[in-house]
């Protein structure tokens, strides 16, 4: 059933009130024409409830912005939205090209600091998949029975001559009246040769949702700090503070305890704004959760980052024995969900 403002409608009932649901909900393709974002394609989603988000086909179908009932939940880096011309693998260039956003996907050959393989191949910070345009792009809004669905899908390749041949297929779906979106990713090794790979889902909350009023609930988990600075702040890892000019990022690794269905959840609530959000994901292929706490003024952000490794960089992960491998012709499935709600 189509749901809107507390009432349910069949398809025929809804069409009696409005012959075109795009007045309330839909997918709208646009293209930016100014600054560093010039030429970057985007698809804007509206569900009719105030749940709105923007997907970037030129950047791995990542989610640039997320708003709920007029409140911005997502973070954006100082750079703003940058086109792929500004994000190439130039050593030291990552910080001046990264856009942030609600979701930035890292991988597939590297996640974490830049890394160089023994054959001299350079892997930039967080890899190249996040600046890879989608092929076979399809966005649509359509009736499926009595439900009006909104979706976008496409595939991204991480490949090289005499090297890997990995394909990431992504579909993002929501529907009329919904306050959530579902991300369904399939990673496939299109070669007979096993391949080392990384994947990190870098979800980022920002102001005004993120502030000292935000409360976090990770449920049952084991938390370990990554650095001495994080160790000093371990007791208050889940506490958000006022921005500080000299704050050095705190990174924590959490082993989440999933529910009976293998789902882990991270809940964030801002009572003063009256809004909450939940990130949930299947832990089978994403056994680790990184919490990136950046309370630095101007770079104020909270990262909730399901991952399949420890974000140390490709070479160090290999040395540590924590660099996963996908077998020849194997497929791996990743499902994640973002939900917003009123308190």
Protein backbone atom coordinates (compact mmCIF):
# COMPACT_ATOMS: atom_id res chain seq x y z
CA UNK A 1 0.00 0.00 0.00
CA UNK A 2 1.07 3.59 -0.65
CA UNK A 3 1.35 5.42 2.67
CA UNK A 4 1.25 9.18 3.09
CA UNK A 5 0.64 11.28 6.21
CA UNK A 6 -0.70 8.39 8.25
CA UNK A 7 -3.13 7.09 5.65
CA UNK A 8 -2.86 4.08 3.35
CA UNK A 9 -3.96 4.09 -0.27
CA UNK A 10 -4.33 1.48 -2.95
CA UNK A 11 -2.94 2.47 -6.32
CA UNK A 12 -6.41 3.27 -7.66
CA UNK A 13 -7.38 5.27 -4.57
CA UNK A 14 -4.22 7.33 -4.76
CA UNK A 15 -4.66 8.04 -8.46
CA UNK A 16 -8.13 9.42 -7.74
CA UNK A 17 -6.48 12.17 -5.67
CA UNK A 18 -3.45 12.67 -7.92
CA UNK A 19 -3.00 11.38 -11.45
CA UNK A 20 0.78 11.88 -11.25
CA UNK A 21 2.60 10.82 -8.06
CA UNK A 22 5.66 12.90 -9.06
CA UNK A 23 3.90 15.81 -7.39
CA UNK A 24 4.80 14.08 -4.11
CA UNK A 25 7.50 11.52 -4.78
CA UNK A 26 9.89 10.63 -7.55
CA UNK A 27 13.40 10.48 -8.98
CA UNK A 28 14.71 13.56 -10.78
CA UNK A 29 17.94 13.50 -12.80
CA UNK A 30 19.97 16.73 -12.72
CA UNK A 31 23.48 17.90 -13.63
CA UNK A 32 25.57 20.44 -11.72
CA UNK A 33 26.88 23.34 -13.78
CA UNK A 34 29.12 25.33 -11.44
CA UNK A 35 32.45 25.11 -9.65
CA UNK A 36 34.24 21.83 -8.96
CA UNK A 37 30.97 19.91 -9.32
CA UNK A 38 30.46 21.06 -12.91
CA UNK A 39 29.34 18.22 -15.17
CA UNK A 40 28.56 15.85 -12.28
CA UNK A 41 25.28 14.02 -12.68
CA UNK A 42 22.90 13.47 -9.78
CA UNK A 43 19.52 11.92 -9.10
CA UNK A 44 17.26 13.50 -6.49
CA UNK A 45 14.85 11.25 -4.57
CA UNK A 46 11.67 12.43 -2.81
CA UNK A 47 9.32 10.06 -0.98
CA UNK A 48 6.64 12.59 -0.02
CA UNK A 49 7.35 12.46 3.73
CA UNK A 50 10.27 14.90 3.81
CA UNK A 51 12.75 12.04 3.35
CA UNK A 52 14.95 13.29 0.51
CA UNK A 53 18.36 12.25 -0.74
CA UNK A 54 20.70 12.78 -3.69
CA UNK A 55 22.55 9.95 -5.46
CA UNK A 56 25.64 10.48 -7.64
CA UNK A 57 25.87 8.21 -10.73
CA UNK A 58 29.35 9.56 -11.54
CA UNK A 59 30.62 8.60 -8.07
CA UNK A 60 29.68 4.97 -7.43
CA UNK A 61 25.99 5.82 -6.91
CA UNK A 62 27.02 7.19 -3.53
CA UNK A 63 24.61 9.35 -1.51
CA UNK A 64 25.68 12.97 -1.39
CA UNK A 65 23.01 14.49 0.85
CA UNK A 66 20.17 13.27 3.08
CA UNK A 67 17.45 15.45 4.56
CA UNK A 68 14.49 14.59 6.74
CA UNK A 69 11.60 17.00 7.19
CA UNK A 70 13.83 19.94 6.35
CA UNK A 71 16.72 18.88 8.61
CA UNK A 72 20.06 17.95 7.06
CA UNK A 73 21.43 14.70 8.48
CA UNK A 74 24.45 14.32 6.20
CA UNK A 75 27.92 15.84 6.37
CA UNK A 76 29.70 17.67 3.58
CA UNK A 77 33.44 18.30 3.47
CA UNK A 78 34.85 21.81 3.06
CA UNK A 79 35.46 21.05 -0.60
CA UNK A 80 31.76 20.65 -1.31
CA UNK A 81 30.74 18.34 -4.11
CA UNK A 82 33.73 17.71 -6.37
CA UNK A 83 33.64 16.14 -9.80
CA UNK A 84 35.92 13.24 -10.64
CA UNK A 85 38.41 15.53 -12.37
CA UNK A 86 39.38 16.66 -8.86
CA UNK A 87 39.59 13.18 -7.33
CA UNK A 88 42.26 11.37 -9.30
CA UNK A 89 44.92 9.25 -7.62
CA UNK A 90 47.54 11.95 -7.01
CA UNK A 91 49.60 11.37 -3.83
CA UNK A 92 48.52 13.76 -1.09
CA UNK A 93 45.49 15.02 -3.05
CA UNK A 94 42.73 13.16 -1.20
CA UNK A 95 42.01 15.79 1.46
CA UNK A 96 41.49 18.52 -1.16
CA UNK A 97 39.22 16.42 -3.36
CA UNK A 98 37.01 14.37 -1.02
CA UNK A 99 33.38 15.50 -0.85
CA UNK A 100 32.19 13.53 2.16
CA UNK A 101 28.44 13.11 1.94
CA UNK A 102 25.94 10.74 3.53
CA UNK A 103 27.68 7.77 1.94
CA UNK A 104 31.17 7.59 0.50
CA UNK A 105 32.16 4.08 -0.62
CA UNK A 106 35.81 3.14 -0.16
CA UNK A 107 37.57 0.26 -1.97
CA UNK A 108 37.81 -1.96 -3.83
CA UNK A 109 41.58 -2.38 -3.76
CA UNK A 110 42.27 -0.07 -0.83
CA UNK A 111 40.56 1.45 2.18
CA UNK A 112 42.33 3.59 4.72
CA UNK A 113 45.66 5.39 4.13
CA UNK A 114 47.29 5.44 0.71
CA UNK A 115 49.28 2.29 -0.01
CA UNK A 116 51.83 1.10 -2.58
CA UNK A 117 52.08 -2.54 -3.66
CA UNK A 118 55.37 -4.34 -4.20
CA UNK A 119 54.92 -3.99 -7.98
CA UNK A 120 54.81 -0.19 -7.57
CA UNK A 121 51.04 0.19 -7.99
CA UNK A 122 49.85 3.22 -6.03
CA UNK A 123 46.49 3.03 -4.27
CA UNK A 124 45.12 6.38 -3.12
CA UNK A 125 43.49 6.90 0.27
CA UNK A 126 40.21 4.94 0.33
CA UNK A 127 40.77 3.62 -3.21
CA UNK A 128 39.14 4.46 -6.53
CA UNK A 129 35.65 2.93 -6.40
CA UNK A 130 34.15 6.11 -4.89
CA UNK A 131 35.09 8.10 -8.01
CA UNK A 132 34.03 5.42 -10.48
CA UNK A 133 31.03 6.27 -12.72
CA UNK A 134 28.18 3.80 -12.99
CA UNK A 135 27.54 1.79 -16.16
CA UNK A 136 24.12 0.43 -17.14
CA UNK A 137 22.52 3.26 -15.18
CA UNK A 138 18.79 2.94 -14.60
CA UNK A 139 16.57 5.15 -12.47
CA UNK A 140 12.82 4.84 -12.33
CA UNK A 141 9.62 5.42 -10.40
CA UNK A 142 6.86 2.89 -10.97
CA UNK A 143 3.81 1.19 -9.51
CA UNK A 144 4.39 -2.35 -8.26
CA UNK A 145 0.92 -3.43 -7.27
CA UNK A 146 -0.25 -0.88 -4.72
CA UNK A 147 3.28 0.33 -3.90
CA UNK A 148 4.95 3.20 -5.75
CA UNK A 149 8.64 2.31 -5.88
CA UNK A 150 11.63 4.57 -6.48
CA UNK A 151 15.00 3.10 -7.41
CA UNK A 152 18.34 3.57 -9.12
CA UNK A 153 20.83 0.90 -10.16
CA UNK A 154 24.12 0.57 -11.99
CA UNK A 155 27.48 -1.19 -12.04
CA UNK A 156 31.01 0.01 -11.30
CA UNK A 157 34.21 -1.74 -12.42
CA UNK A 158 37.61 -1.98 -10.74
CA UNK A 159 39.74 -3.56 -13.45
CA UNK A 160 43.15 -3.45 -15.12
CA UNK A 161 45.10 -5.03 -17.96
CA UNK A 162 46.65 -8.28 -16.65
CA UNK A 163 45.15 -7.41 -13.25
CA UNK A 164 41.85 -7.61 -11.38
CA UNK A 165 38.36 -7.68 -12.88
CA UNK A 166 35.92 -6.77 -10.11
CA UNK A 167 32.38 -5.50 -10.63
CA UNK A 168 30.21 -3.82 -8.00
CA UNK A 169 26.49 -3.78 -8.83
CA UNK A 170 24.42 -1.39 -6.70
CA UNK A 171 20.70 -0.82 -6.30
CA UNK A 172 19.16 1.82 -4.01
CA UNK A 173 15.42 1.62 -3.38
CA UNK A 174 12.73 3.43 -1.44
CA UNK A 175 9.03 4.12 -2.05
CA UNK A 176 6.26 6.65 -1.76
CA UNK A 177 5.58 7.38 1.91
CA UNK A 178 8.81 5.77 3.14
CA UNK A 179 11.34 7.20 5.60
CA UNK A 180 14.11 4.76 4.69
CA UNK A 181 16.29 3.57 1.85
CA UNK A 182 17.86 0.20 1.12
CA UNK A 183 21.29 -0.31 -0.45
CA UNK A 184 21.87 -3.69 -2.08
CA UNK A 185 25.38 -4.31 -3.42
CA UNK A 186 26.74 -7.35 -5.22
CA UNK A 187 30.49 -7.66 -5.63
CA UNK A 188 31.55 -10.16 -8.30
CA UNK A 189 34.99 -11.40 -9.26
CA UNK A 190 34.80 -11.76 -13.06
CA UNK A 191 38.11 -13.59 -13.15
CA UNK A 192 39.15 -17.13 -12.20
CA UNK A 193 41.96 -15.67 -10.09
CA UNK A 194 41.24 -14.92 -6.39
CA UNK A 195 41.55 -11.21 -5.61
CA UNK A 196 42.32 -9.27 -2.44
CA UNK A 197 39.70 -6.58 -1.85
CA UNK A 198 38.49 -3.99 0.65
CA UNK A 199 35.09 -2.39 1.08
CA UNK A 200 34.08 0.34 3.50
CA UNK A 201 30.70 2.09 3.71
CA UNK A 202 31.62 5.54 5.01
CA UNK A 203 28.30 6.96 6.31
CA UNK A 204 28.69 10.52 7.62
CA UNK A 205 26.42 12.56 9.87
CA UNK A 206 26.83 16.33 9.98
CA UNK A 207 25.41 19.53 11.48
CA UNK A 208 22.69 20.33 12.49
CA UNK A 209 21.75 16.71 13.21
CA UNK A 210 25.25 16.16 14.54
CA UNK A 211 25.94 18.39 17.52
CA UNK A 212 26.55 18.02 21.25
CA UNK A 213 22.85 17.03 21.63
CA UNK A 214 23.19 13.88 19.51
CA UNK A 215 22.92 10.61 21.44
CA UNK A 216 24.35 7.36 20.07
CA UNK A 217 23.41 3.77 20.80
CA UNK A 218 25.63 1.02 19.37
CA UNK A 219 23.92 -1.76 21.27
CA UNK A 220 26.09 -4.59 22.57
CA UNK A 221 29.60 -4.31 21.15
CA UNK A 222 33.31 -4.44 21.91
CA UNK A 223 35.12 -1.15 21.32
CA UNK A 224 38.85 -0.69 20.70
CA UNK A 225 40.66 2.61 20.03
CA UNK A 226 42.90 2.93 16.99
CA UNK A 227 45.29 5.61 18.28
CA UNK A 228 46.60 6.93 21.64
CA UNK A 229 44.35 9.98 21.20
CA UNK A 230 41.34 7.71 20.76
CA UNK A 231 42.40 5.62 23.76
CA UNK A 232 42.39 8.77 25.90
CA UNK A 233 38.81 9.43 24.78
CA UNK A 234 37.56 5.84 24.96
CA UNK A 235 35.29 6.44 27.96
CA UNK A 236 33.39 9.10 25.98
CA UNK A 237 33.59 7.51 22.54
CA UNK A 238 29.83 7.78 22.03
CA UNK A 239 29.55 11.32 23.38
CA UNK A 240 29.43 14.19 20.90
CA UNK A 241 30.93 17.52 21.96
CA UNK A 242 31.08 21.14 20.82
CA UNK A 243 33.52 21.70 17.91
CA UNK A 244 37.13 22.25 19.02
CA UNK A 245 39.87 23.85 16.91
CA UNK A 246 42.61 21.45 18.04
CA UNK A 247 40.62 18.19 18.13
CA UNK A 248 42.51 15.29 16.53
CA UNK A 249 40.20 12.67 15.06
CA UNK A 250 39.29 9.70 17.26
CA UNK A 251 38.83 6.36 15.51
CA UNK A 252 37.32 3.34 17.23
CA UNK A 253 36.75 -0.20 15.99
CA UNK A 254 33.60 -1.91 17.22
CA UNK A 255 32.68 -5.57 17.05
CA UNK A 256 28.93 -5.33 16.88
CA UNK A 257 26.65 -8.05 18.22
CA UNK A 258 23.99 -8.64 15.55
CA UNK A 259 20.41 -9.71 16.17
CA UNK A 260 19.04 -13.16 15.37
CA UNK A 261 18.86 -12.18 11.69
CA UNK A 262 22.50 -11.13 11.52
CA UNK A 263 21.66 -7.40 11.48
CA UNK A 264 23.63 -4.78 13.44
CA UNK A 265 22.13 -1.36 14.19
CA UNK A 266 23.50 2.03 15.17
CA UNK A 267 20.93 4.51 16.46
CA UNK A 268 21.46 8.28 16.56
CA UNK A 269 18.89 10.63 18.10
CA UNK A 270 18.73 14.39 18.49
CA UNK A 271 15.91 15.11 20.92
CA UNK A 272 16.11 18.89 20.53
CA UNK A 273 15.50 18.55 16.79
CA UNK A 274 12.99 15.75 17.36
CA UNK A 275 14.69 13.49 14.80
CA UNK A 276 16.37 10.10 14.95
CA UNK A 277 18.21 7.96 12.42
CA UNK A 278 19.27 4.33 12.22
CA UNK A 279 21.97 2.69 10.11
CA UNK A 280 21.61 -1.08 9.89
CA UNK A 281 23.55 -3.66 7.94
CA UNK A 282 24.17 -7.38 7.52
CA UNK A 283 27.33 -8.36 9.39
CA UNK A 284 28.12 -11.57 7.45
CA UNK A 285 30.40 -9.80 4.97
CA UNK A 286 30.90 -6.64 7.03
CA UNK A 287 32.28 -7.94 10.35
CA UNK A 288 33.84 -4.65 11.49
CA UNK A 289 32.46 -1.22 12.32
CA UNK A 290 34.65 1.86 12.37
CA UNK A 291 33.49 4.93 14.28
CA UNK A 292 35.16 8.11 13.05
CA UNK A 293 34.67 10.92 15.56
CA UNK A 294 35.87 14.23 14.14
CA UNK A 295 34.93 17.02 16.52
CA UNK A 296 37.35 19.42 14.83
CA UNK A 297 35.93 22.86 14.06
CA UNK A 298 35.21 23.13 10.34
CA UNK A 299 35.65 19.38 9.85
CA UNK A 300 32.89 18.42 12.27
CA UNK A 301 31.65 14.93 11.37
CA UNK A 302 30.65 11.53 12.69
CA UNK A 303 31.43 8.52 10.53
CA UNK A 304 29.59 5.21 11.01
CA UNK A 305 31.52 2.81 8.77
CA UNK A 306 30.72 -0.88 8.28
CA UNK A 307 33.75 -2.59 6.73
CA UNK A 308 35.33 -5.94 5.89
CA UNK A 309 38.81 -4.97 7.20
CA UNK A 310 40.51 -2.59 9.66
CA UNK A 311 41.13 0.45 7.43
CA UNK A 312 44.91 0.24 7.76
CA UNK A 313 45.67 0.43 4.04
CA UNK A 314 46.15 -2.45 1.59
CA UNK A 315 49.79 -3.30 2.34
CA UNK A 316 49.44 -3.20 6.12
CA UNK A 317 46.21 -5.23 6.00
CA UNK A 318 48.03 -7.88 3.99
CA UNK A 319 50.91 -7.97 6.49
CA UNK A 320 48.39 -8.17 9.33
CA UNK A 321 46.56 -11.10 7.72
CA UNK A 322 43.30 -9.11 7.59
CA UNK A 323 43.03 -8.39 3.85
CA UNK A 324 39.98 -10.35 2.61
CA UNK A 325 39.95 -12.35 -0.61
CA UNK A 326 37.12 -12.94 -3.05
CA UNK A 327 37.47 -16.25 -4.92
CA UNK A 328 37.41 -16.63 -8.68
CA UNK A 329 33.90 -16.00 -10.04
CA UNK A 330 32.59 -15.60 -6.49
CA UNK A 331 29.84 -13.15 -5.53
CA UNK A 332 29.44 -11.37 -2.20
CA UNK A 333 26.27 -9.57 -1.12
CA UNK A 334 26.09 -6.46 1.07
CA UNK A 335 22.81 -5.00 2.35
CA UNK A 336 22.54 -1.78 4.34
CA UNK A 337 19.69 0.49 5.30
CA UNK A 338 19.29 4.12 6.45
CA UNK A 339 16.09 5.06 8.27
CA UNK A 340 14.93 8.40 9.70
CA UNK A 341 12.09 9.01 12.13
CA UNK A 342 10.51 11.57 14.43
CA UNK A 343 10.91 11.31 18.20
